[in-house]
Amino acid sequence: MRRFVAAVLAGAFLDAAHAILVTPASPCSVSCGNVLDSTTPADVQCDENAYASTSSGVVFSNCVRCELGSNFQRAGQTDLDAMLCES
């Protein structure tokens, strides 16, 4: 599952996006750090070892895991849309 998520996110970031968005008022907000409208490229972790060994890896992993399993939506945007950087 981790490799799948990393592959999906890597593909999403190659062309357009340099941020992971969080749907406004999402319950995932608490898992996604303190800047909820964007994430710097340095915060994106594709190395599975970083998921447990670095603070940005823990935040990234927890945020993506939450958004991947969330059904939350607001104003036409879902957490899955946000995870895939679609607005």
N, C-alpha and C. Protein backbone atom coordinates (compact mmCIF):
# COMPACT_ATOMS: atom_id res chain seq x y z
N MET A 1 0.81 -1.18 0.00
CA MET A 1 0.00 0.00 0.00
C MET A 1 0.87 1.26 0.00
N ARG A 2 1.94 1.27 0.79
CA ARG A 2 2.81 2.46 0.84
C ARG A 2 3.41 2.76 -0.52
N ARG A 3 3.84 1.72 -1.21
CA ARG A 3 4.45 1.95 -2.52
C ARG A 3 3.42 2.49 -3.51
N PHE A 4 2.19 2.00 -3.43
CA PHE A 4 1.12 2.49 -4.29
C PHE A 4 0.89 3.98 -4.04
N VAL A 5 0.76 4.36 -2.78
CA VAL A 5 0.53 5.77 -2.44
C VAL A 5 1.70 6.61 -2.91
N ALA A 6 2.92 6.15 -2.68
CA ALA A 6 4.10 6.90 -3.11
C ALA A 6 4.12 7.05 -4.62
N ALA A 7 3.76 5.99 -5.34
CA ALA A 7 3.74 6.04 -6.80
C ALA A 7 2.69 7.01 -7.31
N VAL A 8 1.50 6.97 -6.71
CA VAL A 8 0.44 7.89 -7.11
C VAL A 8 0.87 9.33 -6.87
N LEU A 9 1.43 9.59 -5.70
CA LEU A 9 1.84 10.94 -5.37
C LEU A 9 3.00 11.41 -6.23
N ALA A 10 3.94 10.53 -6.50
CA ALA A 10 5.06 10.90 -7.35
C ALA A 10 4.56 11.29 -8.73
N GLY A 11 3.62 10.54 -9.27
CA GLY A 11 3.04 10.86 -10.57
C GLY A 11 2.31 12.18 -10.55
N ALA A 12 1.61 12.45 -9.48
CA ALA A 12 0.87 13.70 -9.36
C ALA A 12 1.80 14.90 -9.29
N PHE A 13 2.96 14.73 -8.70
CA PHE A 13 3.88 15.85 -8.52
C PHE A 13 4.79 16.09 -9.71
N LEU A 14 4.92 15.16 -10.62
CA LEU A 14 5.86 15.32 -11.71
C LEU A 14 5.50 16.48 -12.63
N ASP A 15 4.23 16.65 -12.93
CA ASP A 15 3.86 17.64 -13.92
C ASP A 15 3.49 19.00 -13.34
N ALA A 16 2.60 19.04 -12.36
CA ALA A 16 2.02 20.32 -12.03
C ALA A 16 2.22 20.77 -10.60
N ALA A 17 2.07 19.90 -9.68
CA ALA A 17 1.88 20.35 -8.31
C ALA A 17 3.14 20.25 -7.47
N HIS A 18 3.26 21.18 -6.58
CA HIS A 18 4.32 21.15 -5.58
C HIS A 18 3.71 21.32 -4.20
N ALA A 19 2.45 20.92 -4.05
CA ALA A 19 1.77 21.09 -2.77
C ALA A 19 0.74 20.00 -2.56
N ILE A 20 0.55 19.66 -1.32
CA ILE A 20 -0.55 18.79 -0.94
C ILE A 20 -1.58 19.69 -0.30
N LEU A 21 -2.73 19.73 -0.87
CA LEU A 21 -3.79 20.58 -0.35
C LEU A 21 -4.64 19.79 0.64
N VAL A 22 -5.25 20.50 1.56
CA VAL A 22 -6.18 19.89 2.49
C VAL A 22 -7.52 20.59 2.30
N THR A 23 -8.58 19.83 2.17
CA THR A 23 -9.90 20.41 2.03
C THR A 23 -10.22 21.25 3.26
N PRO A 24 -10.71 22.48 3.07
CA PRO A 24 -11.03 23.33 4.22
C PRO A 24 -11.96 22.62 5.21
N ALA A 25 -11.62 22.71 6.49
CA ALA A 25 -12.37 22.13 7.60
C ALA A 25 -12.32 20.60 7.66
N SER A 26 -11.44 20.00 6.90
CA SER A 26 -11.32 18.54 6.89
C SER A 26 -10.84 18.02 8.24
N PRO A 27 -11.36 16.87 8.65
CA PRO A 27 -10.81 16.25 9.85
C PRO A 27 -9.36 15.82 9.67
N CYS A 28 -8.88 15.74 8.45
CA CYS A 28 -7.48 15.39 8.19
C CYS A 28 -6.54 16.54 8.49
N SER A 29 -7.08 17.73 8.65
CA SER A 29 -6.24 18.91 8.91
C SER A 29 -5.28 18.70 10.06
N VAL A 30 -5.70 18.01 11.10
CA VAL A 30 -4.85 17.82 12.27
C VAL A 30 -3.66 16.91 11.97
N SER A 31 -3.75 16.14 10.89
CA SER A 31 -2.66 15.23 10.52
C SER A 31 -1.73 15.81 9.47
N CYS A 32 -2.03 17.01 8.99
CA CYS A 32 -1.34 17.51 7.81
C CYS A 32 -0.42 18.69 8.05
N GLY A 33 -0.01 18.93 9.26
CA GLY A 33 0.94 20.00 9.53
C GLY A 33 0.26 21.32 9.81
N ASN A 34 1.05 22.37 9.81
CA ASN A 34 0.51 23.66 10.19
C ASN A 34 0.30 24.61 9.03
N VAL A 35 0.64 24.23 7.81
CA VAL A 35 0.34 25.03 6.63
C VAL A 35 -0.56 24.17 5.76
N LEU A 36 -1.86 24.46 5.82
CA LEU A 36 -2.82 23.53 5.24
C LEU A 36 -3.18 23.81 3.79
N ASP A 37 -2.70 24.91 3.23
CA ASP A 37 -3.02 25.19 1.84
C ASP A 37 -1.89 24.81 0.89
N SER A 38 -0.74 24.44 1.44
CA SER A 38 0.36 24.00 0.59
C SER A 38 1.44 23.32 1.42
N THR A 39 2.28 22.60 0.74
CA THR A 39 3.41 21.92 1.35
C THR A 39 4.60 22.14 0.44
N THR A 40 5.74 22.48 1.00
CA THR A 40 6.92 22.70 0.16
C THR A 40 7.39 21.37 -0.42
N PRO A 41 8.08 21.40 -1.54
CA PRO A 41 8.60 20.16 -2.12
C PRO A 41 9.44 19.35 -1.13
N ALA A 42 10.13 20.02 -0.22
CA ALA A 42 10.95 19.30 0.76
C ALA A 42 10.10 18.50 1.74
N ASP A 43 8.82 18.85 1.88
CA ASP A 43 7.93 18.12 2.78
C ASP A 43 7.37 16.85 2.15
N VAL A 44 7.48 16.71 0.85
CA VAL A 44 6.98 15.52 0.16
C VAL A 44 8.01 14.41 0.31
N GLN A 45 7.60 13.33 0.88
CA GLN A 45 8.51 12.22 1.15
C GLN A 45 8.12 11.00 0.32
N CYS A 46 9.01 10.54 -0.51
CA CYS A 46 8.77 9.34 -1.31
C CYS A 46 9.55 8.14 -0.78
N ASP A 47 10.50 8.38 0.09
CA ASP A 47 11.29 7.32 0.69
C ASP A 47 10.53 6.73 1.87
N GLU A 48 10.13 5.47 1.76
CA GLU A 48 9.36 4.82 2.82
C GLU A 48 10.07 4.87 4.17
N ASN A 49 11.38 4.85 4.19
CA ASN A 49 12.11 4.91 5.46
C ASN A 49 11.89 6.23 6.16
N ALA A 50 11.65 7.29 5.41
CA ALA A 50 11.43 8.61 6.00
C ALA A 50 10.09 8.71 6.71
N TYR A 51 9.14 7.83 6.36
CA TYR A 51 7.81 7.88 6.97
C TYR A 51 7.87 7.73 8.49
N ALA A 52 8.86 7.04 8.98
CA ALA A 52 8.98 6.84 10.43
C ALA A 52 10.21 7.51 11.02
N SER A 53 11.12 7.97 10.17
CA SER A 53 12.40 8.45 10.71
C SER A 53 12.60 9.97 10.64
N THR A 54 11.72 10.69 9.95
CA THR A 54 11.85 12.14 9.89
C THR A 54 10.50 12.79 10.23
N SER A 55 10.55 13.98 10.77
CA SER A 55 9.30 14.65 11.14
C SER A 55 8.46 14.95 9.90
N SER A 56 9.08 15.40 8.81
CA SER A 56 8.30 15.67 7.60
C SER A 56 7.74 14.38 7.01
N GLY A 57 8.46 13.28 7.14
CA GLY A 57 7.96 11.99 6.66
C GLY A 57 6.77 11.51 7.45
N VAL A 58 6.79 11.70 8.76
CA VAL A 58 5.66 11.30 9.62
C VAL A 58 4.42 12.12 9.26
N VAL A 59 4.59 13.44 9.13
CA VAL A 59 3.46 14.31 8.78
C VAL A 59 2.92 13.93 7.40
N PHE A 60 3.81 13.77 6.43
CA PHE A 60 3.40 13.42 5.08
C PHE A 60 2.63 12.10 5.06
N SER A 61 3.18 11.08 5.69
CA SER A 61 2.54 9.77 5.71
C SER A 61 1.18 9.81 6.39
N ASN A 62 1.10 10.46 7.54
CA ASN A 62 -0.16 10.54 8.26
C ASN A 62 -1.21 11.32 7.47
N CYS A 63 -0.80 12.41 6.85
CA CYS A 63 -1.71 13.23 6.06
C CYS A 63 -2.26 12.44 4.87
N VAL A 64 -1.39 11.83 4.11
CA VAL A 64 -1.81 11.08 2.92
C VAL A 64 -2.69 9.90 3.33
N ARG A 65 -2.33 9.21 4.39
CA ARG A 65 -3.13 8.08 4.86
C ARG A 65 -4.54 8.55 5.23
N CYS A 66 -4.64 9.67 5.93
CA CYS A 66 -5.94 10.21 6.31
C CYS A 66 -6.76 10.59 5.08
N GLU A 67 -6.15 11.35 4.18
CA GLU A 67 -6.88 11.80 3.00
C GLU A 67 -7.29 10.64 2.10
N LEU A 68 -6.46 9.64 2.00
CA LEU A 68 -6.77 8.49 1.16
C LEU A 68 -8.01 7.75 1.65
N GLY A 69 -8.20 7.69 2.97
CA GLY A 69 -9.35 6.96 3.52
C GLY A 69 -10.54 7.83 3.87
N SER A 70 -10.47 9.12 3.56
CA SER A 70 -11.52 10.07 3.97
C SER A 70 -12.63 10.17 2.94
N ASN A 71 -13.85 10.36 3.43
CA ASN A 71 -15.00 10.64 2.57
C ASN A 71 -15.43 12.11 2.67
N PHE A 72 -14.64 12.92 3.38
CA PHE A 72 -15.01 14.31 3.62
C PHE A 72 -15.00 15.11 2.33
N GLN A 73 -15.98 15.97 2.18
CA GLN A 73 -15.98 16.90 1.06
C GLN A 73 -16.60 18.21 1.49
N ARG A 74 -16.18 19.27 0.84
CA ARG A 74 -16.70 20.61 1.11
C ARG A 74 -16.53 21.45 -0.14
N ALA A 75 -17.57 22.16 -0.49
CA ALA A 75 -17.55 23.06 -1.64
C ALA A 75 -17.05 22.37 -2.91
N GLY A 76 -17.47 21.14 -3.11
CA GLY A 76 -17.10 20.41 -4.32
C GLY A 76 -15.71 19.80 -4.32
N GLN A 77 -14.98 19.92 -3.23
CA GLN A 77 -13.64 19.32 -3.14
C GLN A 77 -13.65 18.23 -2.08
N THR A 78 -13.03 17.11 -2.40
CA THR A 78 -12.91 16.02 -1.45
C THR A 78 -11.47 15.95 -0.93
N ASP A 79 -11.29 15.20 0.15
CA ASP A 79 -9.93 14.99 0.64
C ASP A 79 -9.09 14.23 -0.38
N LEU A 80 -9.71 13.33 -1.11
CA LEU A 80 -8.96 12.61 -2.14
C LEU A 80 -8.52 13.57 -3.24
N ASP A 81 -9.39 14.49 -3.64
CA ASP A 81 -8.99 15.54 -4.60
C ASP A 81 -7.78 16.31 -4.07
N ALA A 82 -7.85 16.68 -2.80
CA ALA A 82 -6.76 17.45 -2.20
C ALA A 82 -5.47 16.64 -2.21
N MET A 83 -5.57 15.36 -1.87
CA MET A 83 -4.38 14.52 -1.84
C MET A 83 -3.74 14.44 -3.22
N LEU A 84 -4.56 14.42 -4.25
CA LEU A 84 -4.05 14.33 -5.62
C LEU A 84 -3.78 15.70 -6.23
N CYS A 85 -3.90 16.75 -5.40
CA CYS A 85 -3.60 18.12 -5.82
C CYS A 85 -4.54 18.60 -6.90
N GLU A 86 -5.78 18.19 -6.83
CA GLU A 86 -6.80 18.65 -7.77
C GLU A 86 -7.70 19.62 -7.02
N SER A 87 -8.00 20.72 -7.63
CA SER A 87 -8.92 21.66 -6.99
C SER A 87 -10.15 21.87 -7.83
